[in-house]
Protein backbone atom coordinates (compact mmCIF):
# COMPACT_ATOMS: atom_id res chain seq x y z
CA MET A 1 119.90 119.44 44.47
CA ARG A 2 121.75 118.12 47.49
CA LEU A 3 120.88 114.64 48.71
CA ALA A 4 121.54 113.62 52.29
CA TRP A 5 120.85 110.51 54.34
CA SER A 6 117.39 110.37 55.82
CA PRO A 7 115.37 107.77 57.71
CA PHE A 8 113.03 107.94 54.71
CA ALA A 9 115.49 106.15 52.41
CA THR A 10 113.67 103.85 50.02
CA VAL A 11 114.92 100.95 47.93
CA TRP A 12 113.01 99.57 44.96
CA PRO A 13 113.68 97.84 41.64
CA ASP A 14 113.88 100.02 38.57
CA SER A 15 112.44 99.13 35.17
CA VAL A 16 115.42 96.96 34.21
CA GLY A 17 115.54 94.94 37.43
CA CYS A 18 118.38 96.80 39.14
CA TRP A 19 117.91 98.02 42.69
CA LYS A 20 118.26 101.69 43.38
CA VAL A 21 118.37 103.62 46.63
CA VAL A 22 116.73 107.02 46.91
CA MET A 23 117.41 109.04 49.99
CA GLY A 24 115.07 111.60 51.50
CA LEU A 25 115.96 115.12 50.45
CA ASP A 26 117.79 117.33 52.88
CA ALA A 27 115.16 119.53 54.49
CA ASP A 28 117.16 122.72 54.00
CA ASP A 29 117.45 122.22 50.25
CA GLY A 30 116.70 125.56 48.56
CA ARG A 31 114.06 123.94 46.35
CA PHE A 32 111.84 123.41 49.40
CA ALA A 33 111.91 127.11 50.28
CA ASP A 34 111.10 127.98 46.65
CA LEU A 35 108.23 125.49 46.55
CA ARG A 36 106.79 126.79 49.81
CA ARG A 37 106.90 130.32 48.41
CA LEU A 38 105.24 129.22 45.15
CA VAL A 39 102.50 127.31 47.00
CA ALA A 40 101.79 130.31 49.26
CA GLY A 41 101.61 132.69 46.28
CA ALA A 42 99.60 130.47 43.93
CA ASP A 43 96.23 131.51 42.56
CA ARG A 44 93.40 130.14 44.69
CA ALA A 45 89.78 130.92 45.43
CA PRO A 46 89.43 133.56 48.16
CA GLU A 47 87.21 131.24 50.22
CA ASP A 48 89.87 128.48 50.29
CA ASP A 49 92.21 128.25 53.26
CA PRO A 50 95.91 128.70 52.47
CA PRO A 51 97.47 125.38 51.39
CA GLU A 52 99.29 123.39 54.03
CA GLY A 53 101.53 120.35 54.11
CA ALA A 54 100.48 116.82 55.04
CA SER A 55 101.37 115.40 58.43
CA ALA A 56 103.16 112.08 58.84
CA ALA A 57 99.79 110.52 59.79
CA GLU A 58 98.15 111.89 56.61
CA LEU A 59 101.00 110.53 54.50
CA ALA A 60 100.60 107.11 56.13
CA ARG A 61 96.83 107.16 55.45
CA LEU A 62 97.42 108.12 51.82
CA SER A 63 99.92 105.30 51.41
CA ASP A 64 97.40 102.86 52.91
CA ARG A 65 94.58 104.13 50.70
CA LEU A 66 96.79 103.85 47.59
CA GLY A 67 97.96 100.38 48.62
CA ARG A 68 101.60 101.28 48.02
CA SER A 69 104.47 103.23 49.46
CA LEU A 70 104.87 106.85 48.46
CA PRO A 71 107.95 107.72 46.40
CA PRO A 72 110.36 109.97 48.36
CA LEU A 73 109.89 113.04 46.15
CA LEU A 74 106.11 112.69 46.42
CA ARG A 75 106.40 112.49 50.23
CA SER A 76 108.57 115.61 50.14
CA TRP A 77 106.10 117.47 47.92
CA LEU A 78 103.08 116.45 50.02
CA SER A 79 104.85 117.66 53.16
CA ILE A 80 104.71 121.10 51.51
CA CYS A 81 101.20 120.85 50.01
CA ARG A 82 98.77 118.05 50.89
CA GLY A 83 96.53 118.88 47.92
CA ALA A 84 94.90 122.21 47.11
CA ALA A 85 92.83 124.06 44.53
CA ILE A 86 95.84 125.94 43.17
CA GLY A 87 97.27 126.05 39.67
CA PRO A 88 95.13 125.46 36.59
CA GLY A 89 93.27 122.37 37.83
CA GLY A 90 94.43 121.73 41.38
CA VAL A 91 97.25 119.68 42.84
CA PHE A 92 96.32 116.34 44.38
CA GLY A 93 97.11 114.62 47.65
CA GLN A 94 95.50 113.21 50.79
CA ARG A 95 92.16 115.04 50.47
CA PRO A 96 89.25 112.64 51.05
CA ASP A 97 87.32 115.74 52.19
CA ARG A 98 87.59 117.14 48.61
CA PRO A 99 87.30 114.32 46.03
CA GLY A 100 88.34 116.61 43.17
CA LEU A 101 91.71 117.08 44.90
CA ASP A 102 92.07 113.58 46.33
CA MET A 103 94.82 111.52 44.70
CA VAL A 104 93.05 108.22 45.37
CA SER A 105 89.68 109.41 44.04
CA ILE A 106 91.30 110.79 40.87
CA ARG A 107 93.42 107.64 40.36
CA ASP A 108 90.34 105.45 40.69
CA LEU A 109 88.68 107.28 37.75
CA SER A 110 91.13 105.46 35.44
CA PRO A 111 91.72 101.95 36.83
CA GLU A 112 94.61 101.28 34.43
CA TRP A 113 96.65 103.93 36.24
CA GLN A 114 97.00 101.63 39.24
CA SER A 115 98.37 98.76 37.13
CA LEU A 116 100.73 101.20 35.37
CA GLY A 117 101.92 102.57 38.73
CA TRP A 118 100.83 106.11 37.85
CA LEU A 119 99.79 108.58 40.53
CA PRO A 120 97.83 111.70 39.51
CA VAL A 121 99.50 114.80 40.90
CA ALA A 122 97.69 117.70 39.19
CA GLY A 123 94.99 118.64 36.72
CA ASP A 124 95.07 121.04 33.80
CA GLY A 125 91.57 122.44 34.43
CA CYS A 126 90.19 120.86 31.23
CA GLY A 127 89.73 117.26 32.41
CA ASN A 128 93.31 116.14 31.69
CA TYR A 129 95.87 115.07 34.26
CA TYR A 130 99.54 115.10 35.09
CA VAL A 131 100.73 111.78 36.53
CA LEU A 132 103.84 110.73 38.38
CA THR A 133 105.19 107.62 36.65
CA GLU A 134 107.00 104.70 38.29
CA GLY A 135 110.23 106.07 36.83
CA GLY A 136 109.77 109.39 38.65
CA THR A 137 108.95 111.48 35.59
CA VAL A 138 105.74 113.48 35.18
CA GLY A 139 103.59 112.83 32.12
CA PHE A 140 100.44 114.35 30.62
CA VAL A 141 97.37 112.15 30.10
CA GLU A 142 94.22 112.95 28.10
CA PRO A 143 91.66 110.47 29.53
CA MET A 144 89.11 111.10 26.76
CA SER A 145 91.69 110.09 24.15
CA ASP A 146 93.36 107.16 25.94
CA PRO A 147 93.61 107.09 29.74
CA GLY A 148 96.38 104.46 29.58
CA ARG A 149 98.75 106.44 27.36
CA LEU A 150 101.07 109.30 28.19
CA GLU A 151 100.63 112.02 25.58
CA ARG A 152 104.03 113.39 26.52
CA GLN A 153 106.54 113.64 29.32
CA VAL A 154 106.39 117.12 30.81
CA SER A 155 109.11 116.96 33.44
CA SER A 156 111.97 114.76 34.55
CA ASP A 157 110.94 114.98 38.22
CA LEU A 158 108.00 115.95 40.41
CA LEU A 159 109.54 118.91 42.25
CA SER A 160 110.64 120.61 39.01
CA PHE A 161 107.17 120.02 37.56
CA MET A 162 105.43 121.58 40.57
CA ALA A 163 107.80 124.56 40.57
CA ASP A 164 107.15 125.20 36.85
CA LEU A 165 103.38 124.69 37.17
CA LEU A 166 102.99 126.99 40.15
CA ALA A 167 105.41 129.65 38.88
CA ALA A 168 103.03 130.16 35.95
CA HIS A 169 100.03 130.58 38.28
CA GLN A 170 101.03 133.14 40.90
CA VAL A 171 98.87 135.94 42.29
CA PRO A 172 100.18 139.19 40.79
CA PRO A 173 101.91 141.43 43.34
CA GLY A 174 100.12 144.44 44.60
């Protein structure tokens, strides 16, 4: 993945107190084209509109509703898909019109997620969730077992997770 300077550069402390700088991803990165293709080809109900990306205003509203800034990779992902009923249990974003796809509504189901800094990014279709951790990894949570514990890490970053999830749930050609 190629990183390039962007006005969306973000600085925050990591888990050991060091400051790190994360730049916005270069818009012509090949991963974006692949993700757009996977989103467009993902299984969805025929009555649902094709997924679309969030606008800058929607991203700002989501950040306000969450009470925190959005990590750069999450902003990048949401610019491709603002939340949609695709994949096994949907992918979440700024969707107050559809509470089952709304990141804030899903996060508020497990209040400890806010204190842990976790953001729900997708569901598995069985009542379990994939969350973006403060460290940028994606973990799997079984709320009925323990909503405050990651069962396992499933991906080292959000964009890889979404690519893998959606690649497994594409509409067959033809």
